[in-house]
């Protein structure tokens, strides 16, 4: 297979076919597992807040992402506006749940990708792409025709439709989902989604089937594979033990970033269990559980 993976699809005209298939999902929308059935091609926005066209909050080289993505040139992040999750503690709530963002055409989105490549970024990192997959696929052939040749990163919250993911097989070289919760009731309470653990596990299996374990080049920069994030929440609300056992069952080679970045934001103050940061002991316990599960490719600070 050519690398990045999407080059081969484009040569066969398959990218255009995938883009058309994804666009059909916007009619009575079922792009994500919510299947809200909004008529996005007719101007409706649905739960995610995005209609037919892409919405971008900002873009640029990012040096705060995981080391295999950043390298020396940075990760070329495109922060897509809005989200299919409704997390009450979201640190980027101005982008994800308010009106931070602007509508862009497919050509403009393609231009952002090409600009980031010219700036020396090692990849194009789509942040919260789940609800804008058709818009990304619409822009990608334009970018490839313009010379795009670096890997694409799918940086998501883990609440993904299998139908949509299968349209991305061979498009994204790197999947970077966050496994947020092991308990469905916790997910419903704090992110307003149903059946999150089951949906996320099925999505992780499909992502791993497509790209396998994370592989790096001689410089330590990610070429292809699955890179998982897990945000440690106070009072073990994320269910870290179950999360890491699932990931170890997927593959002991799974690359996992155990994140200590949680801080009370947005509406977290309305929920007493979310009003503090995790303690050092809670974070160390999360690392211990990951190691005990057999995971050894661990990122984070402990």
C-alpha atoms as a PDB file:
ATOM      1  CA  UNK A   1       0.000   0.000   0.000  1.00  0.00           C
ATOM      2  CA  UNK A   2       1.200   3.552  -0.745  1.00  0.00           C
ATOM      3  CA  UNK A   3       2.031   5.740   2.210  1.00  0.00           C
ATOM      4  CA  UNK A   4       0.159   7.765   3.246  1.00  0.00           C
ATOM      5  CA  UNK A   5      -2.700   5.350   2.683  1.00  0.00           C
ATOM      6  CA  UNK A   6      -5.048   7.800   0.970  1.00  0.00           C
ATOM      7  CA  UNK A   7      -2.730   8.195  -2.040  1.00  0.00           C
ATOM      8  CA  UNK A   8      -3.605   4.769  -3.390  1.00  0.00           C
ATOM      9  CA  UNK A   9      -7.328   5.397  -2.924  1.00  0.00           C
ATOM     10  CA  UNK A  10      -7.050   8.659  -4.798  1.00  0.00           C
ATOM     11  CA  UNK A  11      -5.195   7.034  -7.699  1.00  0.00           C
ATOM     12  CA  UNK A  12      -8.099   4.590  -8.079  1.00  0.00           C
ATOM     13  CA  UNK A  13     -10.781   7.284  -7.841  1.00  0.00           C
ATOM     14  CA  UNK A  14     -11.919   5.703  -4.591  1.00  0.00           C
ATOM     15  CA  UNK A  15     -11.614   8.881  -2.513  1.00  0.00           C
ATOM     16  CA  UNK A  16     -14.336  10.546  -4.575  1.00  0.00           C
ATOM     17  CA  UNK A  17     -16.602   7.519  -4.170  1.00  0.00           C
ATOM     18  CA  UNK A  18     -16.072   7.539  -0.402  1.00  0.00           C
ATOM     19  CA  UNK A  19     -16.807  11.268  -0.273  1.00  0.00           C
ATOM     20  CA  UNK A  20     -20.129  10.751  -2.070  1.00  0.00           C
ATOM     21  CA  UNK A  21     -21.059   7.851   0.222  1.00  0.00           C
ATOM     22  CA  UNK A  22     -20.246   9.935   3.300  1.00  0.00           C
ATOM     23  CA  UNK A  23     -22.228  12.898   1.996  1.00  0.00           C
ATOM     24  CA  UNK A  24     -25.284  10.665   1.687  1.00  0.00           C
ATOM     25  CA  UNK A  25     -25.079  10.130   5.453  1.00  0.00           C
ATOM     26  CA  UNK A  26     -25.840  13.841   5.962  1.00  0.00           C
ATOM     27  CA  UNK A  27     -29.343  13.332   4.576  1.00  0.00           C
ATOM     28  CA  UNK A  28     -31.252  12.292   7.721  1.00  0.00           C
ATOM     29  CA  UNK A  29     -27.907  12.340   9.489  1.00  0.00           C
ATOM     30  CA  UNK A  30     -26.344   9.140  10.720  1.00  0.00           C
ATOM     31  CA  UNK A  31     -22.708  10.231  10.544  1.00  0.00           C
ATOM     32  CA  UNK A  32     -22.240   9.487  14.255  1.00  0.00           C
ATOM     33  CA  UNK A  33     -23.883   6.965  16.612  1.00  0.00           C
ATOM     34  CA  UNK A  34     -26.459   9.513  17.763  1.00  0.00           C
ATOM     35  CA  UNK A  35     -28.221   9.138  14.389  1.00  0.00           C
ATOM     36  CA  UNK A  36     -30.168  12.334  15.071  1.00  0.00           C
ATOM     37  CA  UNK A  37     -31.596  12.279  11.504  1.00  0.00           C
ATOM     38  CA  UNK A  38     -31.113  16.027  11.004  1.00  0.00           C
ATOM     39  CA  UNK A  39     -31.453  17.060   7.354  1.00  0.00           C
ATOM     40  CA  UNK A  40     -27.980  18.566   7.225  1.00  0.00           C
ATOM     41  CA  UNK A  41     -27.962  18.903   3.433  1.00  0.00           C
ATOM     42  CA  UNK A  42     -31.065  21.065   3.808  1.00  0.00           C
ATOM     43  CA  UNK A  43     -29.549  23.423   6.378  1.00  0.00           C
ATOM     44  CA  UNK A  44     -30.410  21.662   9.621  1.00  0.00           C
ATOM     45  CA  UNK A  45     -27.591  21.295  12.140  1.00  0.00           C
ATOM     46  CA  UNK A  46     -28.680  18.553  14.520  1.00  0.00           C
ATOM     47  CA  UNK A  47     -27.103  17.916  17.918  1.00  0.00           C
ATOM     48  CA  UNK A  48     -23.553  18.571  16.726  1.00  0.00           C
ATOM     49  CA  UNK A  49     -24.326  22.092  15.556  1.00  0.00           C
ATOM     50  CA  UNK A  50     -22.831  21.695  12.053  1.00  0.00           C
ATOM     51  CA  UNK A  51     -24.768  21.657   8.798  1.00  0.00           C
ATOM     52  CA  UNK A  52     -23.604  20.806   5.292  1.00  0.00           C
ATOM     53  CA  UNK A  53     -20.322  22.746   5.202  1.00  0.00           C
ATOM     54  CA  UNK A  54     -17.213  22.329   7.325  1.00  0.00           C
ATOM     55  CA  UNK A  55     -16.679  24.570  10.330  1.00  0.00           C
ATOM     56  CA  UNK A  56     -13.170  25.339  11.589  1.00  0.00           C
ATOM     57  CA  UNK A  57     -12.184  27.106  14.797  1.00  0.00           C
ATOM     58  CA  UNK A  58      -8.435  27.428  14.132  1.00  0.00           C
ATOM     59  CA  UNK A  59      -5.464  25.649  12.607  1.00  0.00           C
ATOM     60  CA  UNK A  60      -1.690  25.636  12.933  1.00  0.00           C
ATOM     61  CA  UNK A  61       1.368  23.641  14.037  1.00  0.00           C
ATOM     62  CA  UNK A  62       0.846  22.147  17.513  1.00  0.00           C
ATOM     63  CA  UNK A  63       3.763  21.170  19.749  1.00  0.00           C
ATOM     64  CA  UNK A  64       1.709  20.003  22.741  1.00  0.00           C
ATOM     65  CA  UNK A  65       0.459  16.742  21.242  1.00  0.00           C
ATOM     66  CA  UNK A  66       1.962  13.295  21.814  1.00  0.00           C
ATOM     67  CA  UNK A  67       5.675  12.976  21.014  1.00  0.00           C
ATOM     68  CA  UNK A  68       5.199  10.628  18.021  1.00  0.00           C
ATOM     69  CA  UNK A  69       2.975  13.247  16.393  1.00  0.00           C
ATOM     70  CA  UNK A  70       4.997  16.357  17.199  1.00  0.00           C
ATOM     71  CA  UNK A  71       8.542  15.400  16.155  1.00  0.00           C
ATOM     72  CA  UNK A  72      10.460  18.561  15.277  1.00  0.00           C
ATOM     73  CA  UNK A  73       7.960  20.178  12.898  1.00  0.00           C
ATOM     74  CA  UNK A  74       4.826  19.871  15.006  1.00  0.00           C
ATOM     75  CA  UNK A  75       1.471  18.256  14.397  1.00  0.00           C
ATOM     76  CA  UNK A  76      -0.619  20.162  11.856  1.00  0.00           C
ATOM     77  CA  UNK A  77      -3.808  20.558  13.833  1.00  0.00           C
ATOM     78  CA  UNK A  78      -7.120  21.662  12.376  1.00  0.00           C
ATOM     79  CA  UNK A  79      -9.530  22.352  15.227  1.00  0.00           C
ATOM     80  CA  UNK A  80     -12.949  21.602  13.804  1.00  0.00           C
ATOM     81  CA  UNK A  81     -15.820  23.449  15.452  1.00  0.00           C
ATOM     82  CA  UNK A  82     -18.505  21.765  17.542  1.00  0.00           C
ATOM     83  CA  UNK A  83     -18.643  18.109  18.632  1.00  0.00           C
ATOM     84  CA  UNK A  84     -20.918  15.082  18.795  1.00  0.00           C
ATOM     85  CA  UNK A  85     -20.289  14.818  22.546  1.00  0.00           C
ATOM     86  CA  UNK A  86     -21.654  17.227  25.153  1.00  0.00           C
ATOM     87  CA  UNK A  87     -19.082  16.866  27.935  1.00  0.00           C
ATOM     88  CA  UNK A  88     -19.927  19.058  30.918  1.00  0.00           C
ATOM     89  CA  UNK A  89     -16.218  19.451  31.745  1.00  0.00           C
ATOM     90  CA  UNK A  90     -14.930  20.213  28.238  1.00  0.00           C
ATOM     91  CA  UNK A  91     -11.783  22.363  28.289  1.00  0.00           C
ATOM     92  CA  UNK A  92     -12.491  23.586  24.749  1.00  0.00           C
ATOM     93  CA  UNK A  93     -16.174  24.325  25.322  1.00  0.00           C
ATOM     94  CA  UNK A  94     -15.994  27.639  23.428  1.00  0.00           C
ATOM     95  CA  UNK A  95     -15.146  25.576  20.323  1.00  0.00           C
ATOM     96  CA  UNK A  96     -17.105  22.395  20.997  1.00  0.00           C
ATOM     97  CA  UNK A  97     -20.371  23.664  22.457  1.00  0.00           C
ATOM     98  CA  UNK A  98     -20.606  27.342  21.688  1.00  0.00           C
ATOM     99  CA  UNK A  99     -20.199  29.337  18.492  1.00  0.00           C
ATOM    100  CA  UNK A 100     -16.418  29.327  18.132  1.00  0.00           C
ATOM    101  CA  UNK A 101     -15.758  28.605  14.480  1.00  0.00           C
ATOM    102  CA  UNK A 102     -16.428  29.688  10.917  1.00  0.00           C
ATOM    103  CA  UNK A 103     -17.854  27.973   7.866  1.00  0.00           C
ATOM    104  CA  UNK A 104     -15.239  27.074   5.257  1.00  0.00           C
ATOM    105  CA  UNK A 105     -15.495  25.636   1.772  1.00  0.00           C
ATOM    106  CA  UNK A 106     -13.915  22.332   0.751  1.00  0.00           C
ATOM    107  CA  UNK A 107     -11.245  24.273  -1.133  1.00  0.00           C
ATOM    108  CA  UNK A 108     -10.450  26.370   1.943  1.00  0.00           C
ATOM    109  CA  UNK A 109     -10.155  23.257   4.103  1.00  0.00           C
ATOM    110  CA  UNK A 110      -7.852  21.670   1.527  1.00  0.00           C
ATOM    111  CA  UNK A 111      -5.782  24.854   1.543  1.00  0.00           C
ATOM    112  CA  UNK A 112      -5.316  24.587   5.295  1.00  0.00           C
ATOM    113  CA  UNK A 113      -3.951  21.069   4.911  1.00  0.00           C
ATOM    114  CA  UNK A 114      -1.498  22.170   2.247  1.00  0.00           C
ATOM    115  CA  UNK A 115      -0.384  25.201   4.248  1.00  0.00           C
ATOM    116  CA  UNK A 116       0.357  23.034   7.293  1.00  0.00           C
ATOM    117  CA  UNK A 117       2.380  20.669   5.107  1.00  0.00           C
ATOM    118  CA  UNK A 118       4.369  23.613   3.711  1.00  0.00           C
ATOM    119  CA  UNK A 119       5.076  24.744   7.283  1.00  0.00           C
ATOM    120  CA  UNK A 120       6.864  21.446   7.932  1.00  0.00           C
ATOM    121  CA  UNK A 121       4.221  19.642  10.018  1.00  0.00           C
ATOM    122  CA  UNK A 122       4.559  15.861  10.135  1.00  0.00           C
ATOM    123  CA  UNK A 123       0.831  15.149   9.804  1.00  0.00           C
ATOM    124  CA  UNK A 124      -2.610  16.715   9.444  1.00  0.00           C
ATOM    125  CA  UNK A 125      -4.383  16.301  12.772  1.00  0.00           C
ATOM    126  CA  UNK A 126      -8.161  16.709  12.573  1.00  0.00           C
ATOM    127  CA  UNK A 127      -9.405  17.496  16.085  1.00  0.00           C
ATOM    128  CA  UNK A 128     -13.025  16.358  16.688  1.00  0.00           C
ATOM    129  CA  UNK A 129     -13.616  15.120  13.126  1.00  0.00           C
ATOM    130  CA  UNK A 130     -16.469  12.697  13.904  1.00  0.00           C
ATOM    131  CA  UNK A 131     -19.372  14.928  12.851  1.00  0.00           C
ATOM    132  CA  UNK A 132     -17.469  16.426   9.890  1.00  0.00           C
ATOM    133  CA  UNK A 133     -16.202  13.295   8.136  1.00  0.00           C
ATOM    134  CA  UNK A 134     -18.148  14.016   4.904  1.00  0.00           C
ATOM    135  CA  UNK A 135     -16.684  17.522   4.781  1.00  0.00           C
ATOM    136  CA  UNK A 136     -13.143  16.202   5.275  1.00  0.00           C
ATOM    137  CA  UNK A 137     -13.579  13.618   2.535  1.00  0.00           C
ATOM    138  CA  UNK A 138     -14.967  16.286   0.224  1.00  0.00           C
ATOM    139  CA  UNK A 139     -11.815  18.410   0.723  1.00  0.00           C
ATOM    140  CA  UNK A 140      -9.219  15.647   0.667  1.00  0.00           C
ATOM    141  CA  UNK A 141      -9.077  14.983  -3.113  1.00  0.00           C
ATOM    142  CA  UNK A 142      -8.535  18.701  -3.673  1.00  0.00           C
ATOM    143  CA  UNK A 143      -5.647  18.649  -1.188  1.00  0.00           C
ATOM    144  CA  UNK A 144      -4.095  15.537  -2.751  1.00  0.00           C
ATOM    145  CA  UNK A 145      -4.286  17.099  -6.204  1.00  0.00           C
ATOM    146  CA  UNK A 146      -2.508  20.092  -4.673  1.00  0.00           C
ATOM    147  CA  UNK A 147       0.348  17.909  -3.406  1.00  0.00           C
ATOM    148  CA  UNK A 148      -0.683  16.668   0.035  1.00  0.00           C
ATOM    149  CA  UNK A 149       1.577  13.769   1.027  1.00  0.00           C
ATOM    150  CA  UNK A 150       1.649  13.576   4.844  1.00  0.00           C
ATOM    151  CA  UNK A 151      -0.415  11.255   7.091  1.00  0.00           C
ATOM    152  CA  UNK A 152      -3.851  12.137   8.434  1.00  0.00           C
ATOM    153  CA  UNK A 153      -4.694  11.839  12.132  1.00  0.00           C
ATOM    154  CA  UNK A 154      -8.254  11.147  13.316  1.00  0.00           C
ATOM    155  CA  UNK A 155      -8.294  12.776  16.773  1.00  0.00           C
ATOM    156  CA  UNK A 156     -11.684  11.938  18.257  1.00  0.00           C
ATOM    157  CA  UNK A 157     -13.704  11.279  21.407  1.00  0.00           C
ATOM    158  CA  UNK A 158     -14.276   7.587  20.718  1.00  0.00           C
ATOM    159  CA  UNK A 159     -18.024   7.809  20.032  1.00  0.00           C
ATOM    160  CA  UNK A 160     -17.904   6.664  16.413  1.00  0.00           C
ATOM    161  CA  UNK A 161     -20.217   5.051  13.883  1.00  0.00           C
ATOM    162  CA  UNK A 162     -18.916   1.821  12.375  1.00  0.00           C
ATOM    163  CA  UNK A 163     -20.578   2.704   9.070  1.00  0.00           C
ATOM    164  CA  UNK A 164     -18.632   5.964   8.957  1.00  0.00           C
ATOM    165  CA  UNK A 165     -15.371   4.391  10.106  1.00  0.00           C
ATOM    166  CA  UNK A 166     -15.540   1.822   7.334  1.00  0.00           C
ATOM    167  CA  UNK A 167     -15.655   4.667   4.816  1.00  0.00           C
ATOM    168  CA  UNK A 168     -12.347   5.832   6.307  1.00  0.00           C
ATOM    169  CA  UNK A 169     -10.538   2.517   5.815  1.00  0.00           C
ATOM    170  CA  UNK A 170      -7.401   3.414   3.890  1.00  0.00           C
ATOM    171  CA  UNK A 171      -7.944   7.161   4.346  1.00  0.00           C
ATOM    172  CA  UNK A 172      -6.497   7.771   7.800  1.00  0.00           C
ATOM    173  CA  UNK A 173      -3.122   6.323   8.714  1.00  0.00           C
ATOM    174  CA  UNK A 174      -3.373   7.254  12.391  1.00  0.00           C
ATOM    175  CA  UNK A 175      -6.361   6.987  14.706  1.00  0.00           C
ATOM    176  CA  UNK A 176      -6.137   8.830  18.028  1.00  0.00           C
ATOM    177  CA  UNK A 177      -9.353   8.284  19.990  1.00  0.00           C
ATOM    178  CA  UNK A 178      -9.934   9.146  23.624  1.00  0.00           C
ATOM    179  CA  UNK A 179     -11.460   6.273  25.604  1.00  0.00           C
ATOM    180  CA  UNK A 180     -13.442   8.437  28.020  1.00  0.00           C
ATOM    181  CA  UNK A 181     -15.614   6.144  30.118  1.00  0.00           C
ATOM    182  CA  UNK A 182     -16.036   2.499  31.069  1.00  0.00           C
ATOM    183  CA  UNK A 183     -19.527   3.034  32.532  1.00  0.00           C
ATOM    184  CA  UNK A 184     -22.505   3.858  30.312  1.00  0.00           C
ATOM    185  CA  UNK A 185     -24.423   5.710  33.023  1.00  0.00           C
ATOM    186  CA  UNK A 186     -21.445   7.928  33.781  1.00  0.00           C
ATOM    187  CA  UNK A 187     -21.092   8.722  30.081  1.00  0.00           C
ATOM    188  CA  UNK A 188     -24.766   9.595  29.807  1.00  0.00           C
ATOM    189  CA  UNK A 189     -24.595  11.834  32.875  1.00  0.00           C
ATOM    190  CA  UNK A 190     -21.502  13.806  31.879  1.00  0.00           C
ATOM    191  CA  UNK A 191     -21.459  13.623  28.048  1.00  0.00           C
ATOM    192  CA  UNK A 192     -25.127  12.994  27.181  1.00  0.00           C
ATOM    193  CA  UNK A 193     -24.475   9.905  25.076  1.00  0.00           C
ATOM    194  CA  UNK A 194     -25.994   6.434  25.235  1.00  0.00           C
ATOM    195  CA  UNK A 195     -24.055   3.160  25.338  1.00  0.00           C
ATOM    196  CA  UNK A 196     -20.674   4.909  25.162  1.00  0.00           C
ATOM    197  CA  UNK A 197     -18.502   1.954  26.326  1.00  0.00           C
ATOM    198  CA  UNK A 198     -20.003  -0.535  23.872  1.00  0.00           C
ATOM    199  CA  UNK A 199     -19.873   1.945  20.989  1.00  0.00           C
ATOM    200  CA  UNK A 200     -16.287   2.926  21.790  1.00  0.00           C
ATOM    201  CA  UNK A 201     -15.082  -0.666  22.100  1.00  0.00           C
ATOM    202  CA  UNK A 202     -16.563  -1.575  18.720  1.00  0.00           C
ATOM    203  CA  UNK A 203     -14.952   1.532  17.210  1.00  0.00           C
ATOM    204  CA  UNK A 204     -11.553   0.710  18.705  1.00  0.00           C
ATOM    205  CA  UNK A 205     -11.712  -2.802  17.274  1.00  0.00           C
ATOM    206  CA  UNK A 206     -12.462  -1.396  13.821  1.00  0.00           C
ATOM    207  CA  UNK A 207      -9.708   1.224  14.060  1.00  0.00           C
ATOM    208  CA  UNK A 208      -7.178  -1.398  15.107  1.00  0.00           C
ATOM    209  CA  UNK A 209      -8.305  -3.687  12.289  1.00  0.00           C
ATOM    210  CA  UNK A 210      -7.632  -0.902   9.816  1.00  0.00           C
ATOM    211  CA  UNK A 211      -4.264   0.407  11.024  1.00  0.00           C
ATOM    212  CA  UNK A 212      -2.875  -1.970  13.681  1.00  0.00           C
ATOM    213  CA  UNK A 213      -0.485  -0.966  16.461  1.00  0.00           C
ATOM    214  CA  UNK A 214       1.313   2.359  16.244  1.00  0.00           C
ATOM    215  CA  UNK A 215       4.471   2.209  14.112  1.00  0.00           C
ATOM    216  CA  UNK A 216       7.200   4.873  14.147  1.00  0.00           C
ATOM    217  CA  UNK A 217       9.884   5.853  11.675  1.00  0.00           C
ATOM    218  CA  UNK A 218      13.596   6.144  12.485  1.00  0.00           C
ATOM    219  CA  UNK A 219      13.020   9.588  14.003  1.00  0.00           C
ATOM    220  CA  UNK A 220      10.317   8.337  16.363  1.00  0.00           C
ATOM    221  CA  UNK A 221       7.530   9.971  14.345  1.00  0.00           C
ATOM    222  CA  UNK A 222       4.239   8.129  13.894  1.00  0.00           C
ATOM    223  CA  UNK A 223       3.657   6.606  10.461  1.00  0.00           C
ATOM    224  CA  UNK A 224       0.569   4.475  11.006  1.00  0.00           C
ATOM    225  CA  UNK A 225      -1.488   2.864  13.736  1.00  0.00           C
ATOM    226  CA  UNK A 226      -3.638   3.372  16.807  1.00  0.00           C
ATOM    227  CA  UNK A 227      -2.701   5.831  19.548  1.00  0.00           C
ATOM    228  CA  UNK A 228      -5.147   5.962  22.457  1.00  0.00           C
ATOM    229  CA  UNK A 229      -5.761   8.723  24.960  1.00  0.00           C
ATOM    230  CA  UNK A 230      -7.344   8.193  28.358  1.00  0.00           C
ATOM    231  CA  UNK A 231      -8.129  11.175  30.586  1.00  0.00           C
ATOM    232  CA  UNK A 232      -7.950  10.338  34.285  1.00  0.00           C
ATOM    233  CA  UNK A 233     -10.989  11.790  36.043  1.00  0.00           C
ATOM    234  CA  UNK A 234     -11.383  12.383  39.785  1.00  0.00           C
ATOM    235  CA  UNK A 235     -13.067   9.667  41.843  1.00  0.00           C
ATOM    236  CA  UNK A 236     -12.298   7.124  39.072  1.00  0.00           C
ATOM    237  CA  UNK A 237     -15.265   8.342  37.056  1.00  0.00           C
ATOM    238  CA  UNK A 238     -13.509   7.230  33.862  1.00  0.00           C
ATOM    239  CA  UNK A 239     -13.281   3.609  35.047  1.00  0.00           C
ATOM    240  CA  UNK A 240      -9.585   3.394  34.196  1.00  0.00           C
ATOM    241  CA  UNK A 241      -9.123  -0.228  35.248  1.00  0.00           C
ATOM    242  CA  UNK A 242     -11.707  -1.535  32.802  1.00  0.00           C
ATOM    243  CA  UNK A 243     -10.452   0.776  30.048  1.00  0.00           C
ATOM    244  CA  UNK A 244      -6.844  -0.404  30.234  1.00  0.00           C
ATOM    245  CA  UNK A 245      -7.856  -4.065  30.469  1.00  0.00           C
ATOM    246  CA  UNK A 246      -9.847  -3.685  27.258  1.00  0.00           C
ATOM    247  CA  UNK A 247      -6.945  -1.957  25.517  1.00  0.00           C
ATOM    248  CA  UNK A 248      -4.522  -4.656  26.645  1.00  0.00           C
ATOM    249  CA  UNK A 249      -6.926  -7.271  25.285  1.00  0.00           C
ATOM    250  CA  UNK A 250      -6.951  -5.421  21.983  1.00  0.00           C
ATOM    251  CA  UNK A 251      -3.141  -5.563  21.914  1.00  0.00           C
ATOM    252  CA  UNK A 252      -0.427  -5.397  24.548  1.00  0.00           C
ATOM    253  CA  UNK A 253       1.367  -3.129  22.032  1.00  0.00           C
ATOM    254  CA  UNK A 254      -1.353  -0.481  22.183  1.00  0.00           C
ATOM    255  CA  UNK A 255       0.225   2.949  22.639  1.00  0.00           C
ATOM    256  CA  UNK A 256      -1.672   4.736  25.438  1.00  0.00           C
ATOM    257  CA  UNK A 257      -1.351   8.281  26.703  1.00  0.00           C
ATOM    258  CA  UNK A 258      -2.669   8.393  30.271  1.00  0.00           C
ATOM    259  CA  UNK A 259      -3.532  12.046  30.623  1.00  0.00           C
ATOM    260  CA  UNK A 260      -3.409  14.179  33.772  1.00  0.00           C
ATOM    261  CA  UNK A 261      -4.811  17.330  32.133  1.00  0.00           C
ATOM    262  CA  UNK A 262      -8.253  17.260  33.744  1.00  0.00           C
ATOM    263  CA  UNK A 263      -9.270  20.435  35.495  1.00  0.00           C
ATOM    264  CA  UNK A 264     -12.774  21.671  36.318  1.00  0.00           C
ATOM    265  CA  UNK A 265     -14.033  23.654  33.311  1.00  0.00           C
ATOM    266  CA  UNK A 266     -17.279  24.724  31.693  1.00  0.00           C
ATOM    267  CA  UNK A 267     -20.132  23.287  33.812  1.00  0.00           C
ATOM    268  CA  UNK A 268     -18.022  20.981  36.001  1.00  0.00           C
ATOM    269  CA  UNK A 269     -18.772  23.135  39.040  1.00  0.00           C
ATOM    270  CA  UNK A 270     -22.396  21.917  38.843  1.00  0.00           C
ATOM    271  CA  UNK A 271     -21.264  18.361  39.690  1.00  0.00           C
ATOM    272  CA  UNK A 272     -19.540  17.934  43.080  1.00  0.00           C
ATOM    273  CA  UNK A 273     -17.515  14.888  41.946  1.00  0.00           C
ATOM    274  CA  UNK A 274     -15.973  16.914  39.116  1.00  0.00           C
ATOM    275  CA  UNK A 275     -14.938  20.026  41.020  1.00  0.00           C
ATOM    276  CA  UNK A 276     -11.345  18.978  41.729  1.00  0.00           C
ATOM    277  CA  UNK A 277      -8.352  17.709  39.787  1.00  0.00           C
ATOM    278  CA  UNK A 278      -7.283  14.061  40.239  1.00  0.00           C
ATOM    279  CA  UNK A 279      -4.751  13.595  42.993  1.00  0.00           C
ATOM    280  CA  UNK A 280      -1.204  12.411  42.386  1.00  0.00           C
ATOM    281  CA  UNK A 281      -2.185   9.103  43.999  1.00  0.00           C
ATOM    282  CA  UNK A 282      -5.119   8.661  41.589  1.00  0.00           C
ATOM    283  CA  UNK A 283      -2.870   9.320  38.619  1.00  0.00           C
ATOM    284  CA  UNK A 284      -0.215   6.905  39.846  1.00  0.00           C
ATOM    285  CA  UNK A 285      -2.913   4.281  40.383  1.00  0.00           C
ATOM    286  CA  UNK A 286      -4.038   4.703  36.775  1.00  0.00           C
ATOM    287  CA  UNK A 287      -0.479   3.998  35.597  1.00  0.00           C
ATOM    288  CA  UNK A 288      -0.211   0.999  37.894  1.00  0.00           C
ATOM    289  CA  UNK A 289      -3.439  -0.497  36.520  1.00  0.00           C
ATOM    290  CA  UNK A 290      -2.213   0.003  32.951  1.00  0.00           C
ATOM    291  CA  UNK A 291       1.073  -1.747  33.662  1.00  0.00           C
ATOM    292  CA  UNK A 292      -0.658  -4.552  35.563  1.00  0.00           C
ATOM    293  CA  UNK A 293      -2.921  -5.065  32.525  1.00  0.00           C
ATOM    294  CA  UNK A 294       0.204  -5.672  30.435  1.00  0.00           C
ATOM    295  CA  UNK A 295       0.426  -2.343  28.611  1.00  0.00           C
ATOM    296  CA  UNK A 296       3.980  -1.053  28.266  1.00  0.00           C
ATOM    297  CA  UNK A 297       3.862   1.630  25.567  1.00  0.00           C
ATOM    298  CA  UNK A 298       2.666   4.294  27.989  1.00  0.00           C
ATOM    299  CA  UNK A 299       2.893   8.048  27.615  1.00  0.00           C
ATOM    300  CA  UNK A 300       2.080  10.676  30.224  1.00  0.00           C
ATOM    301  CA  UNK A 301       3.869  11.933  33.291  1.00  0.00           C
ATOM    302  CA  UNK A 302       4.189   9.766  36.377  1.00  0.00           C
END
